[in-house]
């Protein structure tokens, strides 16, 4: 079972999540009652369809997640960034996210 360490870059708060092999990162966070969005973004997001870009995260190591998706390429993300809603976890990872308003 992969271990996911999530670091909120705004507060330096760390959360440890558990997820099954191949689990979706956004769904795992919601299942573990982790904050994914704040403020109006709780209501104004694409609900995990890869369209809004509100869930951009930095992931290390990238070898333990799926390759970039079509939607991630559309958002022109940095090489170490992915959309949390498009990430499938295949091993232990560290996620850095700014849970922004």
N, C-alpha and C. Protein backbone atom coordinates (compact mmCIF):
# COMPACT_ATOMS: atom_id res chain seq x y z
N UNK A 1 0.85 -1.18 0.00
CA UNK A 1 0.00 0.00 0.00
C UNK A 1 0.90 1.24 0.00
N UNK A 2 0.80 2.08 -1.03
CA UNK A 2 1.63 3.28 -1.11
C UNK A 2 1.34 4.26 0.03
N UNK A 3 2.40 4.92 0.48
CA UNK A 3 2.27 5.97 1.50
C UNK A 3 2.41 7.31 0.81
N UNK A 4 1.52 8.23 1.17
CA UNK A 4 1.51 9.55 0.56
C UNK A 4 1.72 10.58 1.67
N UNK A 5 2.77 11.36 1.55
CA UNK A 5 3.05 12.44 2.50
C UNK A 5 2.69 13.74 1.79
N UNK A 6 1.72 14.48 2.35
CA UNK A 6 1.27 15.73 1.76
C UNK A 6 1.75 16.89 2.62
N UNK A 7 2.45 17.83 1.99
CA UNK A 7 2.95 19.02 2.68
C UNK A 7 2.23 20.23 2.12
N UNK A 8 1.51 20.97 2.99
CA UNK A 8 0.88 22.22 2.59
C UNK A 8 1.97 23.28 2.60
N UNK A 9 2.33 23.81 1.45
CA UNK A 9 3.44 24.75 1.35
C UNK A 9 3.13 26.11 1.97
N UNK A 10 1.87 26.39 2.24
CA UNK A 10 1.51 27.67 2.86
C UNK A 10 1.62 27.61 4.38
N UNK A 11 1.34 26.44 4.97
CA UNK A 11 1.34 26.32 6.43
C UNK A 11 2.41 25.37 6.95
N UNK A 12 3.09 24.66 6.06
CA UNK A 12 4.07 23.62 6.41
C UNK A 12 3.46 22.46 7.19
N UNK A 13 2.15 22.36 7.18
CA UNK A 13 1.45 21.24 7.82
C UNK A 13 1.66 19.99 6.97
N UNK A 14 1.88 18.86 7.63
CA UNK A 14 2.10 17.60 6.94
C UNK A 14 0.98 16.62 7.29
N UNK A 15 0.50 15.93 6.28
CA UNK A 15 -0.55 14.92 6.45
C UNK A 15 -0.07 13.64 5.78
N UNK A 16 -0.27 12.52 6.44
CA UNK A 16 0.05 11.22 5.85
C UNK A 16 -1.24 10.54 5.41
N UNK A 17 -1.27 10.11 4.16
CA UNK A 17 -2.45 9.45 3.60
C UNK A 17 -2.11 8.02 3.25
N UNK A 18 -3.12 7.19 3.24
CA UNK A 18 -2.97 5.82 2.76
C UNK A 18 -3.86 5.66 1.54
N UNK A 19 -3.34 4.94 0.57
CA UNK A 19 -4.11 4.71 -0.65
C UNK A 19 -3.70 3.37 -1.25
N UNK A 20 -4.61 2.76 -1.95
CA UNK A 20 -4.30 1.51 -2.62
C UNK A 20 -3.45 1.74 -3.86
N UNK A 21 -2.83 0.69 -4.34
CA UNK A 21 -2.01 0.75 -5.54
C UNK A 21 -2.86 1.21 -6.72
N UNK A 22 -2.45 2.27 -7.40
CA UNK A 22 -3.20 2.79 -8.54
C UNK A 22 -4.31 3.75 -8.16
N UNK A 23 -4.38 4.13 -6.88
CA UNK A 23 -5.44 5.02 -6.42
C UNK A 23 -5.27 6.43 -6.97
N UNK A 24 -6.37 7.13 -7.13
CA UNK A 24 -6.38 8.52 -7.56
C UNK A 24 -6.04 9.40 -6.35
N UNK A 25 -5.09 10.32 -6.52
CA UNK A 25 -4.62 11.16 -5.42
C UNK A 25 -5.73 12.03 -4.84
N UNK A 26 -6.52 12.67 -5.68
CA UNK A 26 -7.60 13.54 -5.19
C UNK A 26 -8.62 12.73 -4.39
N UNK A 27 -9.01 11.58 -4.92
CA UNK A 27 -9.99 10.75 -4.21
C UNK A 27 -9.43 10.23 -2.89
N UNK A 28 -8.14 9.88 -2.88
CA UNK A 28 -7.51 9.41 -1.64
C UNK A 28 -7.50 10.52 -0.60
N UNK A 29 -7.21 11.74 -1.02
CA UNK A 29 -7.20 12.87 -0.09
C UNK A 29 -8.59 13.11 0.49
N UNK A 30 -9.59 13.11 -0.37
CA UNK A 30 -10.96 13.32 0.10
C UNK A 30 -11.41 12.19 1.02
N UNK A 31 -11.05 10.95 0.69
CA UNK A 31 -11.40 9.80 1.52
C UNK A 31 -10.78 9.90 2.91
N UNK A 32 -9.56 10.45 2.98
CA UNK A 32 -8.86 10.61 4.26
C UNK A 32 -9.19 11.94 4.94
N UNK A 33 -10.25 12.62 4.49
CA UNK A 33 -10.70 13.90 5.04
C UNK A 33 -9.64 14.99 4.99
N UNK A 34 -8.79 14.95 3.99
CA UNK A 34 -7.78 16.00 3.81
C UNK A 34 -8.39 17.16 3.02
N UNK A 35 -7.97 18.36 3.35
CA UNK A 35 -8.45 19.56 2.66
C UNK A 35 -7.85 19.57 1.25
N UNK A 36 -8.70 19.65 0.25
CA UNK A 36 -8.23 19.71 -1.13
C UNK A 36 -8.37 21.12 -1.68
N UNK A 37 -9.47 21.78 -1.34
CA UNK A 37 -9.74 23.14 -1.78
C UNK A 37 -10.17 23.97 -0.58
N UNK A 38 -9.96 25.30 -0.68
CA UNK A 38 -10.43 26.22 0.35
C UNK A 38 -11.27 27.30 -0.30
N UNK A 39 -12.05 27.98 0.54
CA UNK A 39 -12.84 29.11 0.07
C UNK A 39 -13.79 28.72 -1.05
N UNK A 40 -13.94 29.63 -2.00
CA UNK A 40 -14.85 29.39 -3.12
C UNK A 40 -14.41 28.23 -4.00
N UNK A 41 -13.13 27.89 -3.95
CA UNK A 41 -12.65 26.78 -4.77
C UNK A 41 -13.29 25.45 -4.37
N UNK A 42 -13.87 25.38 -3.17
CA UNK A 42 -14.61 24.17 -2.78
C UNK A 42 -15.80 23.96 -3.70
N UNK A 43 -16.34 25.05 -4.23
CA UNK A 43 -17.52 24.98 -5.08
C UNK A 43 -17.19 25.22 -6.55
N UNK A 44 -16.12 25.97 -6.81
CA UNK A 44 -15.76 26.35 -8.17
C UNK A 44 -14.58 25.54 -8.68
N UNK A 45 -14.72 24.24 -8.66
CA UNK A 45 -13.69 23.37 -9.22
C UNK A 45 -14.36 22.38 -10.17
N UNK A 46 -13.57 21.66 -10.91
CA UNK A 46 -14.13 20.77 -11.95
C UNK A 46 -14.49 19.38 -11.43
N UNK A 47 -14.39 19.17 -10.13
CA UNK A 47 -14.76 17.89 -9.50
C UNK A 47 -13.90 16.72 -9.98
N UNK A 48 -12.62 17.03 -10.28
CA UNK A 48 -11.70 15.96 -10.62
C UNK A 48 -11.64 15.57 -12.08
N UNK A 49 -12.08 16.45 -12.96
CA UNK A 49 -12.08 16.12 -14.39
C UNK A 49 -10.87 16.68 -15.13
N UNK A 50 -9.96 17.37 -14.43
CA UNK A 50 -8.74 17.87 -15.05
C UNK A 50 -8.89 19.16 -15.83
N UNK A 51 -10.00 19.87 -15.64
CA UNK A 51 -10.26 21.05 -16.45
C UNK A 51 -9.86 22.37 -15.80
N UNK A 52 -9.98 22.50 -14.49
CA UNK A 52 -9.83 23.82 -13.85
C UNK A 52 -8.39 24.15 -13.45
N UNK A 53 -7.58 23.18 -13.15
CA UNK A 53 -6.20 23.44 -12.74
C UNK A 53 -6.06 23.90 -11.30
N UNK A 54 -7.10 23.79 -10.49
CA UNK A 54 -7.05 24.23 -9.09
C UNK A 54 -6.28 23.26 -8.20
N UNK A 55 -5.96 22.08 -8.68
CA UNK A 55 -5.33 21.06 -7.84
C UNK A 55 -3.89 20.76 -8.26
N UNK A 56 -3.18 21.76 -8.78
CA UNK A 56 -1.78 21.56 -9.19
C UNK A 56 -0.93 21.25 -7.97
N UNK A 57 -0.14 20.20 -8.06
CA UNK A 57 0.74 19.78 -6.97
C UNK A 57 2.12 19.44 -7.52
N UNK A 58 3.12 19.47 -6.63
CA UNK A 58 4.47 19.01 -6.97
C UNK A 58 4.62 17.62 -6.38
N UNK A 59 5.16 16.69 -7.16
CA UNK A 59 5.27 15.30 -6.71
C UNK A 59 6.70 14.81 -6.86
N UNK A 60 7.15 14.10 -5.84
CA UNK A 60 8.46 13.43 -5.88
C UNK A 60 8.29 12.05 -5.28
N UNK A 61 8.84 11.03 -5.83
CA UNK A 61 9.41 10.95 -7.17
C UNK A 61 8.33 10.70 -8.21
N UNK A 62 8.52 11.26 -9.38
CA UNK A 62 7.54 11.10 -10.45
C UNK A 62 7.46 9.67 -10.98
N UNK A 63 8.48 8.88 -10.68
CA UNK A 63 8.49 7.49 -11.14
C UNK A 63 7.39 6.66 -10.47
N UNK A 64 6.86 7.13 -9.34
CA UNK A 64 5.84 6.37 -8.61
C UNK A 64 4.41 6.80 -8.93
N UNK A 65 4.25 7.59 -9.99
CA UNK A 65 2.92 7.99 -10.43
C UNK A 65 2.81 7.76 -11.94
N UNK A 66 1.61 7.90 -12.46
CA UNK A 66 1.38 7.71 -13.89
C UNK A 66 2.03 8.82 -14.72
N UNK A 67 2.26 8.57 -16.00
CA UNK A 67 2.79 9.61 -16.89
C UNK A 67 1.80 10.76 -17.05
N UNK A 68 2.28 11.86 -17.60
CA UNK A 68 1.41 13.02 -17.83
C UNK A 68 0.21 12.66 -18.68
N UNK A 69 -0.91 13.29 -18.35
CA UNK A 69 -2.14 13.07 -19.10
C UNK A 69 -2.34 14.20 -20.10
N UNK A 70 -3.30 14.02 -20.97
CA UNK A 70 -3.66 15.04 -21.96
C UNK A 70 -3.99 16.36 -21.28
N UNK A 71 -4.77 16.32 -20.21
CA UNK A 71 -5.18 17.54 -19.52
C UNK A 71 -4.00 18.24 -18.85
N UNK A 72 -3.06 17.48 -18.33
CA UNK A 72 -1.88 18.08 -17.72
C UNK A 72 -1.04 18.79 -18.78
N UNK A 73 -0.96 18.23 -19.95
CA UNK A 73 -0.24 18.89 -21.04
C UNK A 73 -0.93 20.18 -21.47
N UNK A 74 -2.25 20.20 -21.44
CA UNK A 74 -3.00 21.42 -21.79
C UNK A 74 -2.71 22.56 -20.82
N UNK A 75 -2.51 22.24 -19.54
CA UNK A 75 -2.26 23.26 -18.53
C UNK A 75 -0.82 23.77 -18.53
N UNK A 76 0.06 23.17 -19.34
CA UNK A 76 1.46 23.59 -19.48
C UNK A 76 2.16 23.69 -18.12
N UNK A 77 2.12 22.61 -17.37
CA UNK A 77 2.70 22.56 -16.04
C UNK A 77 4.22 22.40 -16.11
N UNK A 78 4.88 22.76 -15.01
CA UNK A 78 6.32 22.54 -14.89
C UNK A 78 6.56 21.02 -14.88
N UNK A 79 7.79 20.58 -15.19
CA UNK A 79 8.08 19.13 -15.27
C UNK A 79 7.75 18.34 -14.00
N UNK A 80 7.89 18.94 -12.82
CA UNK A 80 7.65 18.23 -11.56
C UNK A 80 6.22 18.40 -11.05
N UNK A 81 5.36 19.07 -11.82
CA UNK A 81 3.99 19.32 -11.40
C UNK A 81 3.01 18.39 -12.11
N UNK A 82 1.91 18.11 -11.41
CA UNK A 82 0.81 17.33 -11.99
C UNK A 82 -0.49 17.87 -11.42
N UNK A 83 -1.59 17.50 -12.03
CA UNK A 83 -2.91 17.80 -11.48
C UNK A 83 -3.26 16.69 -10.50
N UNK A 84 -3.56 17.06 -9.26
CA UNK A 84 -3.87 16.06 -8.24
C UNK A 84 -4.99 15.13 -8.65
N UNK A 85 -5.94 15.64 -9.41
CA UNK A 85 -7.09 14.82 -9.82
C UNK A 85 -6.74 13.82 -10.91
N UNK A 86 -5.58 13.96 -11.53
CA UNK A 86 -5.16 13.07 -12.61
C UNK A 86 -4.07 12.10 -12.18
N UNK A 87 -3.63 12.19 -10.93
CA UNK A 87 -2.51 11.37 -10.44
C UNK A 87 -3.01 10.00 -9.99
N UNK A 88 -2.34 8.97 -10.48
CA UNK A 88 -2.54 7.60 -9.99
C UNK A 88 -1.26 7.21 -9.27
N UNK A 89 -1.41 6.72 -8.04
CA UNK A 89 -0.26 6.45 -7.17
C UNK A 89 0.14 4.98 -7.27
N UNK A 90 1.43 4.75 -7.58
CA UNK A 90 1.95 3.39 -7.71
C UNK A 90 3.09 3.09 -6.74
N UNK A 91 3.38 4.03 -5.85
CA UNK A 91 4.44 3.85 -4.86
C UNK A 91 4.44 5.03 -3.90
N UNK A 92 5.35 5.02 -2.94
CA UNK A 92 5.43 6.09 -1.96
C UNK A 92 5.80 7.41 -2.64
N UNK A 93 5.07 8.48 -2.28
CA UNK A 93 5.35 9.79 -2.86
C UNK A 93 5.24 10.88 -1.81
N UNK A 94 5.87 12.01 -2.11
CA UNK A 94 5.72 13.23 -1.33
C UNK A 94 5.04 14.25 -2.24
N UNK A 95 3.99 14.87 -1.72
CA UNK A 95 3.21 15.84 -2.49
C UNK A 95 3.33 17.19 -1.81
N UNK A 96 3.70 18.20 -2.56
CA UNK A 96 3.72 19.58 -2.06
C UNK A 96 2.59 20.32 -2.74
N UNK A 97 1.71 20.88 -1.91
CA UNK A 97 0.53 21.56 -2.45
C UNK A 97 0.28 22.85 -1.69
N UNK A 98 -0.09 23.88 -2.42
CA UNK A 98 -0.52 25.13 -1.81
C UNK A 98 -2.04 25.10 -1.82
N UNK A 99 -2.63 24.82 -0.67
CA UNK A 99 -4.09 24.79 -0.58
C UNK A 99 -4.54 26.24 -0.52
N UNK A 100 -4.79 26.81 -1.68
CA UNK A 100 -5.04 28.25 -1.79
C UNK A 100 -6.52 28.57 -1.83
N UNK A 101 -6.84 29.80 -1.42
CA UNK A 101 -8.22 30.30 -1.51
C UNK A 101 -8.53 30.70 -2.93
